Amino acid sequence: MFERIVILCNPGSTGAHKTDHRIYELHKLLPDAKIVKIRTSPDGYAANVAILNANRYLFGEKTLLCIAGGDGTVNLAVNYLLAESALSAEALRMRVQTAEDRPGASGCRRARLPSPAP
């Protein structure tokens, strides 16, 4: 089970108003998990990499990374996790899901990061 849920949210995305409700739902499903919300910046990729670097200690095998944003936010997260960061092998085993991942949702996007090379 997850010990921590990290929500990477883009406050400028079309569905940003749904984020707090999704967080409430997560609290009900996983009441013992610590939930942390990280907001992206409109100041570009480098600014967002700096935000993620400042919070990389949150990422681990028992972390669920939820992305509350559009394709650009998903792209940011995947690029960061696979190319930009010096994350531990444990961190690269975390689950990544978008805010639309729920039974019956259209357009569900899920990612399981590849296992690091031995």
C-alpha atoms as a PDB file:
ATOM      1  CA  MET A   1       0.000   0.000   0.000  1.00  0.00           C
ATOM      2  CA  PHE A   2       1.048   3.579  -0.478  1.00  0.00           C
ATOM      3  CA  GLU A   3       2.489   5.559   2.397  1.00  0.00           C
ATOM      4  CA  ARG A   4       2.571   8.813   0.499  1.00  0.00           C
ATOM      5  CA  ILE A   5       0.589  10.355  -2.331  1.00  0.00           C
ATOM      6  CA  VAL A   6       2.182  13.195  -4.247  1.00  0.00           C
ATOM      7  CA  ILE A   7      -0.158  15.263  -6.397  1.00  0.00           C
ATOM      8  CA  LEU A   8       1.620  17.156  -9.169  1.00  0.00           C
ATOM      9  CA  CYS A   9      -0.941  19.728 -10.189  1.00  0.00           C
ATOM     10  CA  ASN A  10      -1.048  22.426 -12.792  1.00  0.00           C
ATOM     11  CA  PRO A  11      -3.198  25.228 -11.358  1.00  0.00           C
ATOM     12  CA  GLY A  12      -3.642  26.613 -14.877  1.00  0.00           C
ATOM     13  CA  SER A  13      -5.090  23.438 -16.397  1.00  0.00           C
ATOM     14  CA  THR A  14      -8.690  23.254 -17.522  1.00  0.00           C
ATOM     15  CA  GLY A  15      -9.634  20.719 -14.840  1.00  0.00           C
ATOM     16  CA  ALA A  16      -7.677  22.313 -11.964  1.00  0.00           C
ATOM     17  CA  HIS A  17     -10.909  23.012 -10.108  1.00  0.00           C
ATOM     18  CA  LYS A  18     -11.379  19.225  -9.675  1.00  0.00           C
ATOM     19  CA  THR A  19      -8.070  18.671  -7.867  1.00  0.00           C
ATOM     20  CA  ASP A  20      -9.244  19.379  -4.316  1.00  0.00           C
ATOM     21  CA  HIS A  21     -12.199  17.022  -4.747  1.00  0.00           C
ATOM     22  CA  ARG A  22      -9.854  14.277  -6.001  1.00  0.00           C
ATOM     23  CA  ILE A  23      -7.615  14.847  -2.977  1.00  0.00           C
ATOM     24  CA  TYR A  24     -10.654  14.500  -0.716  1.00  0.00           C
ATOM     25  CA  GLU A  25     -11.485  11.182  -2.447  1.00  0.00           C
ATOM     26  CA  LEU A  26      -7.912   9.974  -1.952  1.00  0.00           C
ATOM     27  CA  HIS A  27      -8.119  10.840   1.769  1.00  0.00           C
ATOM     28  CA  LYS A  28     -11.206   8.648   2.037  1.00  0.00           C
ATOM     29  CA  LEU A  29      -9.593   5.740   0.162  1.00  0.00           C
ATOM     30  CA  LEU A  30      -6.194   5.930   1.892  1.00  0.00           C
ATOM     31  CA  PRO A  31      -6.749   7.643   5.247  1.00  0.00           C
ATOM     32  CA  ASP A  32      -3.299   6.752   6.602  1.00  0.00           C
ATOM     33  CA  ALA A  33      -1.356   8.036   3.588  1.00  0.00           C
ATOM     34  CA  LYS A  34       0.347  11.404   3.706  1.00  0.00           C
ATOM     35  CA  ILE A  35      -0.862  13.550   0.789  1.00  0.00           C
ATOM     36  CA  VAL A  36       1.384  16.274  -0.590  1.00  0.00           C
ATOM     37  CA  LYS A  37       0.344  18.716  -3.322  1.00  0.00           C
ATOM     38  CA  ILE A  38       3.056  20.156  -5.587  1.00  0.00           C
ATOM     39  CA  ARG A  39       1.987  22.991  -7.890  1.00  0.00           C
ATOM     40  CA  THR A  40       3.675  23.506 -11.236  1.00  0.00           C
ATOM     41  CA  SER A  41       4.871  26.927 -12.349  1.00  0.00           C
ATOM     42  CA  PRO A  42       3.963  28.828 -15.515  1.00  0.00           C
ATOM     43  CA  ASP A  43       7.636  29.885 -15.740  1.00  0.00           C
ATOM     44  CA  GLY A  44       8.721  26.998 -17.959  1.00  0.00           C
ATOM     45  CA  TYR A  45      10.426  23.641 -17.822  1.00  0.00           C
ATOM     46  CA  ALA A  46      13.527  24.721 -15.878  1.00  0.00           C
ATOM     47  CA  ALA A  47      11.404  26.297 -13.136  1.00  0.00           C
ATOM     48  CA  ASN A  48       9.360  23.109 -12.837  1.00  0.00           C
ATOM     49  CA  VAL A  49      12.458  20.917 -12.718  1.00  0.00           C
ATOM     50  CA  ALA A  50      13.673  23.080  -9.825  1.00  0.00           C
ATOM     51  CA  ILE A  51      10.331  22.552  -8.033  1.00  0.00           C
ATOM     52  CA  LEU A  52      10.527  18.786  -8.556  1.00  0.00           C
ATOM     53  CA  ASN A  53      14.174  18.671  -7.472  1.00  0.00           C
ATOM     54  CA  ALA A  54      13.254  20.462  -4.247  1.00  0.00           C
ATOM     55  CA  ASN A  55      10.629  17.763  -3.595  1.00  0.00           C
ATOM     56  CA  ARG A  56      12.386  14.647  -4.904  1.00  0.00           C
ATOM     57  CA  TYR A  57      12.830  13.301  -1.365  1.00  0.00           C
ATOM     58  CA  LEU A  58       9.086  12.554  -1.494  1.00  0.00           C
ATOM     59  CA  PHE A  59       9.437  10.012  -4.312  1.00  0.00           C
ATOM     60  CA  GLY A  60       9.853   6.354  -3.381  1.00  0.00           C
ATOM     61  CA  GLU A  61       8.555   2.863  -3.965  1.00  0.00           C
ATOM     62  CA  LYS A  62       5.602   3.429  -1.611  1.00  0.00           C
ATOM     63  CA  THR A  63       4.709   6.728  -3.288  1.00  0.00           C
ATOM     64  CA  LEU A  64       1.798   7.177  -5.655  1.00  0.00           C
ATOM     65  CA  LEU A  65       2.414  10.106  -7.981  1.00  0.00           C
ATOM     66  CA  CYS A  66      -0.862  11.544  -9.248  1.00  0.00           C
ATOM     67  CA  ILE A  67      -0.835  14.074 -12.039  1.00  0.00           C
ATOM     68  CA  ALA A  68      -3.638  16.619 -11.981  1.00  0.00           C
ATOM     69  CA  GLY A  69      -3.154  18.421 -15.255  1.00  0.00           C
ATOM     70  CA  GLY A  70      -3.109  17.880 -18.958  1.00  0.00           C
ATOM     71  CA  ASP A  71      -0.661  16.364 -21.391  1.00  0.00           C
ATOM     72  CA  GLY A  72       1.963  19.009 -20.614  1.00  0.00           C
ATOM     73  CA  THR A  73       1.970  18.114 -16.917  1.00  0.00           C
ATOM     74  CA  VAL A  74       2.186  14.402 -17.726  1.00  0.00           C
ATOM     75  CA  ASN A  75       5.048  15.168 -20.128  1.00  0.00           C
ATOM     76  CA  LEU A  76       6.838  17.200 -17.447  1.00  0.00           C
ATOM     77  CA  ALA A  77       6.563  14.384 -14.899  1.00  0.00           C
ATOM     78  CA  VAL A  78       7.692  11.620 -17.235  1.00  0.00           C
ATOM     79  CA  ASN A  79      10.583  13.651 -18.643  1.00  0.00           C
ATOM     80  CA  TYR A  80      11.688  14.589 -15.156  1.00  0.00           C
ATOM     81  CA  LEU A  81      11.498  11.057 -13.817  1.00  0.00           C
ATOM     82  CA  LEU A  82      13.272   9.474 -16.764  1.00  0.00           C
ATOM     83  CA  ALA A  83      15.740  12.127 -17.889  1.00  0.00           C
ATOM     84  CA  GLU A  84      16.285  15.012 -15.515  1.00  0.00           C
ATOM     85  CA  SER A  85      16.487  13.560 -12.068  1.00  0.00           C
ATOM     86  CA  ALA A  86      19.016  11.547 -10.166  1.00  0.00           C
ATOM     87  CA  LEU A  87      16.309   9.567  -8.418  1.00  0.00           C
ATOM     88  CA  SER A  88      17.095   6.383  -6.577  1.00  0.00           C
ATOM     89  CA  ALA A  89      16.147   2.989  -7.975  1.00  0.00           C
ATOM     90  CA  GLU A  90      13.483   2.849  -5.239  1.00  0.00           C
ATOM     91  CA  ALA A  91      11.958   6.126  -6.404  1.00  0.00           C
ATOM     92  CA  LEU A  92      11.772   4.894  -9.983  1.00  0.00           C
ATOM     93  CA  ARG A  93       9.534   2.017  -8.851  1.00  0.00           C
ATOM     94  CA  MET A  94       6.714   4.326  -7.728  1.00  0.00           C
ATOM     95  CA  ARG A  95       3.343   4.281  -9.454  1.00  0.00           C
ATOM     96  CA  VAL A  96       2.294   7.220 -11.610  1.00  0.00           C
ATOM     97  CA  GLN A  97      -1.358   7.950 -12.362  1.00  0.00           C
ATOM     98  CA  THR A  98      -3.283  10.906 -13.710  1.00  0.00           C
ATOM     99  CA  ALA A  99      -6.261  12.510 -11.986  1.00  0.00           C
ATOM    100  CA  GLU A 100      -8.567  10.794 -14.496  1.00  0.00           C
ATOM    101  CA  ASP A 101      -7.510   7.260 -13.448  1.00  0.00           C
ATOM    102  CA  ARG A 102     -10.650   5.799 -12.025  1.00  0.00           C
ATOM    103  CA  PRO A 103     -12.955   2.984 -13.088  1.00  0.00           C
ATOM    104  CA  GLY A 104     -15.016   3.968 -16.114  1.00  0.00           C
ATOM    105  CA  ALA A 105     -13.058   7.131 -16.886  1.00  0.00           C
ATOM    106  CA  SER A 106     -12.383   7.860 -20.505  1.00  0.00           C
ATOM    107  CA  GLY A 107      -8.865   8.722 -21.503  1.00  0.00           C
ATOM    108  CA  CYS A 108      -7.190   6.978 -18.567  1.00  0.00           C
ATOM    109  CA  ARG A 109      -3.447   7.219 -18.651  1.00  0.00           C
ATOM    110  CA  ARG A 110      -1.260   5.067 -16.453  1.00  0.00           C
ATOM    111  CA  ALA A 111       2.464   4.647 -16.413  1.00  0.00           C
ATOM    112  CA  ARG A 112       4.709   2.170 -14.717  1.00  0.00           C
ATOM    113  CA  LEU A 113       8.223   3.472 -14.864  1.00  0.00           C
ATOM    114  CA  PRO A 114      10.715   1.003 -16.317  1.00  0.00           C
ATOM    115  CA  SER A 115      12.955  -0.837 -13.916  1.00  0.00           C
ATOM    116  CA  PRO A 116      16.390   0.719 -13.660  1.00  0.00           C
ATOM    117  CA  ALA A 117      19.200  -1.168 -15.352  1.00  0.00           C
ATOM    118  CA  PRO A 118      21.163  -3.380 -12.935  1.00  0.00           C
END
